[in-house]
Amino acid sequence: MIEFKLPSLGAEMEEGTLLEWRIKPGDKVSKGDVIAVVDTSKSAIDVEIWQEGVVHELTLKIGDKVPVGTPMVRLLEPGESAEHAEVQQRNAAPSLAATPAPVAAPDSPAAAAAAQSEMRRPASPAARALARELDVDLAAINGTGPRGAITREDIEKAAASKGPPKDRTTEMRHAIGAAMARSKREIPHYYLATDVPMARASAWLAQRNEGRAITGRLLMAAPLLKAVALAFKKYPELNGWFQNGAFVPGAGIHLGVAISLRQGGLIAPAIRDIASMNLDELMHRLADLVARARALTLRSSEMSDATITVTNLGEQGVDLVQGVIYPPQVALVGFGKITDRPWVEKGKLVAMPVLTASLSADHRTSDGHRGALFLTHVAGLLQEPEKLEEGKP
């Protein structure tokens, strides 16, 4: 029998609240399937499973608030019978005594039906999003819509009857503060920055966007992210995590992109394997990620897979970013705004669009020499933006 536990969805996550089941006992699940929705201090996250098998039992109830690592689901392995799993469970009873009681067992039709009823109350996506925002338990509402569906008005009435909603922004700020305090306490940071001339990249981007509809245009964020990803191919010691006293290199280059949320706070979900994407695909993935992050519809893999974080504060008018590393990652890249500055080119003083790129890195895995080479390499890639499509580091 396989036991799937509540995963950590970020360095600041200590616990989560189960909002919704997407599976029931008897269902067959595969790696990558969304099995539940869990509320963290930042967002409601679709939790994906990492194993495959048949759901034997659900060990949490909707509304349960539990620490990271708490068992959520027990699966039957391929070829394993429910009877064999029950014997295993009885033999392991002392070690399982502290876990929540199962919602249902596959050999109990009445219990399975109850679990399925609790798993998903009829409600529109908008109503579910509002329920998460207002901290309303859907299981406690009798819907007044067609066929008993829960409406936004039902949720608003339920929220009004229970008093003011929880302050998610305060919770998020507390969680972010705790993670950043840990980062500054445990990680020996070093900081580097360099000015990057952006005339070639800006001209290339303008030419690339000629004749395109506004919705199909590339933003500068795409070549910036692609340049960072390609540079990590040559400087892999900046791409990964510091865990259990040692550096663990990332299996791929998955950039966490810092996104500001409308309700306040930041979130940094990952775009996987950026180095292999063309710029149009990357732009599409970035736009989709930003939209889903602000709609609070992210997946657990997007919250846990990032091997490095990139933050771009140029839109906020900031010249230089000196970021704090997001543990257990070992580096953070920052970009400021592009501004016209005095610049000497070919012996002449010109007005040049310039961007300041910065690196915050962990001295336990790299040093200033390698960090400086990395930033210089990023700057060099941006001088030949047409080659970013080729994917050559």
Foldseek 3Di string as FASTA:
>chain_A
DDWDWAADLFPLWFKWAWQAAPDFAFDWAAFQDFGTWIHTLQFTARETDHHTAGWFFAQDAHGDIGTGGATGTDGADVPGDSVVVVVVCVVCVVVCVPTHHTQDGNVDVVSRVVCVCRRDAAEDLVLSLVCSVQVHRPSVFQAPDVPRHNYNVRSVVRSVVVDGGDQSQVSQVVSVVVQLVCLVVPFPKDKDKDKFFQPQLVVVQVVVCPPPDPVQGFDPVLLLVLLLQLLCVVVQLQFAFQPPNRTDTAPAAWEFEWAAEPSGDIATFTDTRSLPDASSVSRVVVVVVNVCSNSRYHHSCRSPRHREYEYECQVVVDQDDDDGGGPRHFKYKYKHHFDFDFDADPNDTDTTGMIMMMMMGGPVRDDPVSVVVSVVSSSVCSNVSVCSRVSHD
